[in-house]
């Protein structure tokens, strides 16, 4: 499994970990979100919004602030990701590049822990 970390402070989100995200890597690609400001503490739900070719795919975060990246966005090129809390708090969108799936790809390929 590949885990990629993003940090959120108020409405600003940044990618924290580096590494390559590969096409067709579902369900082995997971995003973890760190919330570094108290405004996110009062949110009953936190949802990652993944956008690909004009369509949005929402994934609620689990108790560890993690979610799987939807298979619908894991195509060669890129997708966008942002966070929302359901009460009006939104982050910027991050462009996430997606590399072609290598022939030797396995879930343990280096790219994020």
N, C-alpha and C. Protein backbone atom coordinates (compact mmCIF):
# COMPACT_ATOMS: atom_id res chain seq x y z
N UNK A 1 0.84 -1.17 0.00
CA UNK A 1 0.00 0.00 0.00
C UNK A 1 0.89 1.24 0.00
N UNK A 2 0.50 2.24 -0.77
CA UNK A 2 1.20 3.51 -0.82
C UNK A 2 0.37 4.54 -0.07
N UNK A 3 0.98 5.24 0.88
CA UNK A 3 0.29 6.27 1.64
C UNK A 3 0.98 7.60 1.35
N UNK A 4 0.19 8.56 0.89
CA UNK A 4 0.69 9.89 0.59
C UNK A 4 0.04 10.86 1.57
N UNK A 5 0.85 11.77 2.14
CA UNK A 5 0.38 12.64 3.20
C UNK A 5 0.23 14.07 2.70
N UNK A 6 -0.87 14.70 3.14
CA UNK A 6 -1.16 16.10 2.85
C UNK A 6 -1.39 16.82 4.15
N UNK A 7 -0.93 18.07 4.24
CA UNK A 7 -1.13 18.89 5.43
C UNK A 7 -2.13 19.99 5.11
N UNK A 8 -3.09 20.17 6.01
CA UNK A 8 -4.10 21.22 5.86
C UNK A 8 -3.97 22.20 7.02
N UNK A 9 -3.87 23.48 6.69
CA UNK A 9 -3.86 24.55 7.68
C UNK A 9 -4.87 25.59 7.21
N UNK A 10 -5.95 25.73 7.98
CA UNK A 10 -7.07 26.59 7.57
C UNK A 10 -7.56 26.11 6.21
N UNK A 11 -7.56 26.98 5.22
CA UNK A 11 -8.04 26.57 3.90
C UNK A 11 -6.90 26.28 2.92
N UNK A 12 -5.71 26.11 3.44
CA UNK A 12 -4.54 25.83 2.61
C UNK A 12 -4.09 24.38 2.79
N UNK A 13 -3.99 23.67 1.67
CA UNK A 13 -3.52 22.29 1.70
C UNK A 13 -2.26 22.18 0.86
N UNK A 14 -1.30 21.37 1.36
CA UNK A 14 -0.06 21.11 0.64
C UNK A 14 0.27 19.63 0.72
N UNK A 15 0.88 19.14 -0.33
CA UNK A 15 1.35 17.75 -0.31
C UNK A 15 2.62 17.70 0.52
N UNK A 16 2.69 16.75 1.46
CA UNK A 16 3.82 16.64 2.37
C UNK A 16 4.83 15.60 1.88
N UNK A 17 4.35 14.44 1.47
CA UNK A 17 5.25 13.38 1.02
C UNK A 17 5.39 13.40 -0.49
N UNK A 18 6.56 12.96 -0.94
CA UNK A 18 6.78 12.84 -2.38
C UNK A 18 6.54 11.39 -2.78
N UNK A 19 6.75 11.10 -4.01
CA UNK A 19 6.58 9.75 -4.51
C UNK A 19 5.67 9.75 -5.72
N UNK A 20 5.69 8.64 -6.42
CA UNK A 20 4.95 8.52 -7.67
C UNK A 20 3.62 7.81 -7.42
N UNK A 21 2.57 8.38 -7.95
CA UNK A 21 1.26 7.73 -7.94
C UNK A 21 1.06 7.14 -9.32
N UNK A 22 0.70 5.86 -9.36
CA UNK A 22 0.58 5.16 -10.63
C UNK A 22 -0.87 4.96 -11.04
N UNK A 23 -1.10 4.97 -12.33
CA UNK A 23 -2.42 4.67 -12.88
C UNK A 23 -2.82 3.25 -12.49
N UNK A 24 -4.09 3.05 -12.33
CA UNK A 24 -4.66 1.73 -12.03
C UNK A 24 -4.10 1.12 -10.76
N UNK A 25 -3.76 1.95 -9.77
CA UNK A 25 -3.19 1.44 -8.52
C UNK A 25 -4.23 1.30 -7.40
N UNK A 26 -5.51 1.36 -7.75
CA UNK A 26 -6.57 1.13 -6.76
C UNK A 26 -6.59 -0.35 -6.40
N UNK A 27 -6.76 -0.73 -5.17
CA UNK A 27 -7.05 0.03 -3.94
C UNK A 27 -5.81 0.33 -3.11
N UNK A 28 -4.65 0.32 -3.73
CA UNK A 28 -3.39 0.42 -2.99
C UNK A 28 -2.87 1.83 -2.79
N UNK A 29 -3.60 2.83 -3.27
CA UNK A 29 -3.18 4.22 -3.10
C UNK A 29 -4.09 4.88 -2.07
N UNK A 30 -3.48 5.36 -1.00
CA UNK A 30 -4.22 5.93 0.13
C UNK A 30 -3.68 7.33 0.42
N UNK A 31 -4.59 8.25 0.70
CA UNK A 31 -4.19 9.59 1.12
C UNK A 31 -4.49 9.76 2.60
N UNK A 32 -3.54 10.36 3.32
CA UNK A 32 -3.71 10.71 4.73
C UNK A 32 -3.61 12.22 4.84
N UNK A 33 -4.51 12.79 5.64
CA UNK A 33 -4.57 14.24 5.79
C UNK A 33 -4.28 14.61 7.23
N UNK A 34 -3.35 15.53 7.42
CA UNK A 34 -3.05 16.10 8.73
C UNK A 34 -3.70 17.47 8.80
N UNK A 35 -4.37 17.75 9.91
CA UNK A 35 -5.05 19.03 10.10
C UNK A 35 -4.32 19.80 11.19
N UNK A 36 -3.67 20.88 10.78
CA UNK A 36 -2.75 21.59 11.66
C UNK A 36 -3.34 22.85 12.30
N UNK A 37 -4.63 23.09 12.12
CA UNK A 37 -5.27 24.25 12.72
C UNK A 37 -6.57 23.83 13.38
N UNK A 38 -6.99 24.52 14.45
CA UNK A 38 -8.16 24.09 15.22
C UNK A 38 -9.49 24.21 14.48
N UNK A 39 -9.55 24.97 13.40
CA UNK A 39 -10.82 25.10 12.69
C UNK A 39 -11.32 23.76 12.16
N UNK A 40 -10.42 22.84 11.90
CA UNK A 40 -10.83 21.51 11.42
C UNK A 40 -11.30 20.62 12.56
N UNK A 41 -10.95 20.92 13.80
CA UNK A 41 -11.31 20.09 14.95
C UNK A 41 -12.81 20.02 15.19
N UNK A 42 -13.53 21.08 14.86
CA UNK A 42 -14.97 21.12 15.14
C UNK A 42 -15.80 20.47 14.03
N UNK A 43 -15.15 20.04 12.97
CA UNK A 43 -15.86 19.45 11.84
C UNK A 43 -16.27 18.01 12.14
N UNK A 44 -17.58 17.71 12.06
CA UNK A 44 -18.02 16.34 12.31
C UNK A 44 -17.58 15.36 11.23
N UNK A 45 -17.47 15.85 10.01
CA UNK A 45 -17.00 15.00 8.91
C UNK A 45 -15.97 15.76 8.10
N UNK A 46 -15.06 15.02 7.56
CA UNK A 46 -14.06 15.58 6.66
C UNK A 46 -14.09 14.72 5.40
N UNK A 47 -14.17 15.38 4.26
CA UNK A 47 -14.32 14.68 3.00
C UNK A 47 -13.27 15.13 2.01
N UNK A 48 -12.57 14.18 1.42
CA UNK A 48 -11.65 14.47 0.33
C UNK A 48 -12.46 14.49 -0.96
N UNK A 49 -12.25 15.52 -1.77
CA UNK A 49 -12.95 15.64 -3.04
C UNK A 49 -11.92 15.45 -4.15
N UNK A 50 -12.09 14.40 -4.91
CA UNK A 50 -11.20 14.07 -6.03
C UNK A 50 -11.92 14.47 -7.32
N UNK A 51 -11.24 15.18 -8.19
CA UNK A 51 -11.85 15.63 -9.44
C UNK A 51 -11.04 15.10 -10.62
N UNK A 52 -11.77 14.56 -11.59
CA UNK A 52 -11.14 14.05 -12.80
C UNK A 52 -12.06 14.32 -13.97
N UNK A 53 -11.57 15.06 -14.94
CA UNK A 53 -12.33 15.39 -16.16
C UNK A 53 -13.71 15.96 -15.85
N UNK A 54 -13.76 16.86 -14.90
CA UNK A 54 -15.01 17.55 -14.59
C UNK A 54 -15.96 16.82 -13.66
N UNK A 55 -15.62 15.62 -13.24
CA UNK A 55 -16.47 14.87 -12.31
C UNK A 55 -15.81 14.82 -10.95
N UNK A 56 -16.63 14.95 -9.90
CA UNK A 56 -16.13 14.89 -8.53
C UNK A 56 -16.49 13.56 -7.89
N UNK A 57 -15.55 13.06 -7.10
CA UNK A 57 -15.73 11.81 -6.36
C UNK A 57 -15.37 12.11 -4.90
N UNK A 58 -16.31 11.93 -4.00
CA UNK A 58 -16.11 12.27 -2.60
C UNK A 58 -15.83 11.01 -1.78
N UNK A 59 -14.84 11.13 -0.89
CA UNK A 59 -14.48 10.04 0.01
C UNK A 59 -14.38 10.60 1.42
N UNK A 60 -15.24 10.11 2.33
CA UNK A 60 -15.15 10.51 3.73
C UNK A 60 -13.89 9.90 4.34
N UNK A 61 -13.25 10.67 5.21
CA UNK A 61 -12.06 10.19 5.87
C UNK A 61 -12.44 9.26 7.02
N UNK A 62 -11.58 8.28 7.30
CA UNK A 62 -11.82 7.38 8.43
C UNK A 62 -11.30 8.03 9.71
N UNK A 63 -11.30 7.28 10.80
CA UNK A 63 -10.88 7.81 12.11
C UNK A 63 -9.41 8.21 12.14
N UNK A 64 -8.62 7.75 11.18
CA UNK A 64 -7.20 8.12 11.08
C UNK A 64 -6.95 9.20 10.03
N UNK A 65 -8.04 9.83 9.57
CA UNK A 65 -7.98 10.88 8.54
C UNK A 65 -7.37 10.36 7.24
N UNK A 66 -7.76 9.13 6.88
CA UNK A 66 -7.27 8.50 5.66
C UNK A 66 -8.44 8.07 4.78
N UNK A 67 -8.16 7.95 3.48
CA UNK A 67 -9.13 7.38 2.54
C UNK A 67 -8.38 6.82 1.33
N UNK A 68 -9.02 5.88 0.67
CA UNK A 68 -8.46 5.35 -0.57
C UNK A 68 -8.76 6.35 -1.70
N UNK A 69 -7.84 6.43 -2.63
CA UNK A 69 -8.07 7.26 -3.81
C UNK A 69 -9.00 6.49 -4.74
N UNK A 70 -10.10 7.10 -5.17
CA UNK A 70 -11.06 6.36 -6.02
C UNK A 70 -10.43 5.91 -7.34
N UNK A 71 -10.83 4.72 -7.77
CA UNK A 71 -10.29 4.17 -9.01
C UNK A 71 -10.64 5.04 -10.21
N UNK A 72 -11.73 5.80 -10.11
CA UNK A 72 -12.18 6.64 -11.22
C UNK A 72 -11.20 7.77 -11.56
N UNK A 73 -10.30 8.11 -10.64
CA UNK A 73 -9.35 9.20 -10.90
C UNK A 73 -7.93 8.71 -11.16
N UNK A 74 -7.69 7.43 -10.99
CA UNK A 74 -6.33 6.89 -11.12
C UNK A 74 -6.04 6.49 -12.56
N UNK A 75 -6.00 7.52 -13.42
CA UNK A 75 -5.68 7.34 -14.83
C UNK A 75 -4.46 8.19 -15.17
N UNK A 76 -3.69 7.76 -16.14
CA UNK A 76 -2.50 8.50 -16.53
C UNK A 76 -2.84 9.96 -16.82
N UNK A 77 -2.02 10.84 -16.31
CA UNK A 77 -2.24 12.28 -16.46
C UNK A 77 -2.22 12.95 -15.10
N UNK A 78 -3.39 13.41 -14.65
CA UNK A 78 -3.48 14.02 -13.32
C UNK A 78 -4.93 14.07 -12.87
N UNK A 79 -5.11 14.27 -11.57
CA UNK A 79 -6.42 14.59 -11.00
C UNK A 79 -6.21 15.69 -9.98
N UNK A 80 -7.31 16.24 -9.47
CA UNK A 80 -7.26 17.27 -8.44
C UNK A 80 -7.81 16.71 -7.15
N UNK A 81 -7.29 17.20 -6.02
CA UNK A 81 -7.82 16.81 -4.72
C UNK A 81 -7.94 18.06 -3.84
N UNK A 82 -9.01 18.11 -3.06
CA UNK A 82 -9.21 19.17 -2.08
C UNK A 82 -9.95 18.56 -0.89
N UNK A 83 -10.09 19.34 0.17
CA UNK A 83 -10.81 18.89 1.37
C UNK A 83 -11.98 19.80 1.64
N UNK A 84 -13.06 19.23 2.20
CA UNK A 84 -14.19 20.02 2.66
C UNK A 84 -14.72 19.40 3.94
N UNK A 85 -15.40 20.23 4.75
CA UNK A 85 -15.89 19.73 6.03
C UNK A 85 -17.41 19.68 6.12
N UNK A 86 -18.11 20.07 5.09
CA UNK A 86 -19.57 20.03 5.12
C UNK A 86 -20.18 21.24 5.80
N UNK A 87 -19.35 22.12 6.36
CA UNK A 87 -19.86 23.32 7.03
C UNK A 87 -19.29 24.59 6.39
N UNK A 88 -18.76 24.46 5.20
CA UNK A 88 -18.26 25.62 4.48
C UNK A 88 -16.76 25.78 4.45
N UNK A 89 -16.04 24.97 5.22
CA UNK A 89 -14.58 25.06 5.19
C UNK A 89 -14.05 24.24 4.02
N UNK A 90 -13.33 24.90 3.12
CA UNK A 90 -12.79 24.26 1.93
C UNK A 90 -11.32 24.58 1.81
N UNK A 91 -10.56 23.69 1.18
CA UNK A 91 -9.16 23.98 0.89
C UNK A 91 -8.99 24.27 -0.59
N UNK A 92 -7.80 24.70 -0.93
CA UNK A 92 -7.42 24.82 -2.33
C UNK A 92 -7.36 23.44 -2.96
N UNK A 93 -7.31 23.41 -4.29
CA UNK A 93 -7.17 22.15 -5.01
C UNK A 93 -5.71 21.92 -5.34
N UNK A 94 -5.29 20.68 -5.15
CA UNK A 94 -3.92 20.28 -5.47
C UNK A 94 -3.95 19.42 -6.73
N UNK A 95 -3.08 19.72 -7.66
CA UNK A 95 -2.96 18.89 -8.87
C UNK A 95 -2.03 17.73 -8.55
N UNK A 96 -2.51 16.51 -8.77
CA UNK A 96 -1.76 15.30 -8.44
C UNK A 96 -1.44 14.56 -9.73
N UNK A 97 -0.15 14.50 -10.11
CA UNK A 97 0.22 13.77 -11.32
C UNK A 97 0.08 12.25 -11.13
N UNK A 98 -0.29 11.58 -12.21
CA UNK A 98 -0.42 10.12 -12.20
C UNK A 98 0.42 9.57 -13.35
N UNK A 99 1.38 8.72 -13.00
CA UNK A 99 2.29 8.13 -13.98
C UNK A 99 1.69 6.85 -14.57
N UNK A 100 2.13 6.47 -15.76
CA UNK A 100 1.68 5.19 -16.32
C UNK A 100 2.08 4.05 -15.39
N UNK A 101 1.25 3.05 -15.34
CA UNK A 101 1.54 1.89 -14.49
C UNK A 101 2.71 1.11 -15.07
N UNK A 102 3.79 0.95 -14.29
CA UNK A 102 4.92 0.17 -14.79
C UNK A 102 4.58 -1.32 -14.82
N UNK A 103 5.21 -2.04 -15.70
CA UNK A 103 4.94 -3.48 -15.82
C UNK A 103 5.23 -4.22 -14.52
N UNK A 104 6.25 -3.79 -13.79
CA UNK A 104 6.66 -4.49 -12.57
C UNK A 104 5.98 -3.95 -11.32
N UNK A 105 4.93 -3.14 -11.49
CA UNK A 105 4.28 -2.52 -10.33
C UNK A 105 3.70 -3.56 -9.37
N UNK A 106 4.00 -3.37 -8.10
CA UNK A 106 3.36 -4.12 -7.03
C UNK A 106 2.96 -3.11 -5.97
N UNK A 107 2.04 -3.45 -5.08
CA UNK A 107 1.64 -2.50 -4.05
C UNK A 107 2.79 -2.03 -3.17
N UNK A 108 3.91 -2.75 -3.15
CA UNK A 108 5.03 -2.37 -2.31
C UNK A 108 6.06 -1.52 -3.05
N UNK A 109 5.75 -1.10 -4.29
CA UNK A 109 6.69 -0.24 -5.03
C UNK A 109 6.90 1.04 -4.24
N UNK A 110 8.16 1.47 -4.09
CA UNK A 110 8.41 2.69 -3.31
C UNK A 110 7.65 3.87 -3.90
N UNK A 111 7.17 4.73 -3.04
CA UNK A 111 6.44 5.89 -3.53
C UNK A 111 5.68 6.57 -2.45
N UNK A 112 5.80 6.11 -1.24
CA UNK A 112 5.13 6.76 -0.12
C UNK A 112 4.83 5.76 0.94
N UNK A 113 5.11 6.12 2.15
CA UNK A 113 4.82 5.23 3.27
C UNK A 113 3.95 5.93 4.26
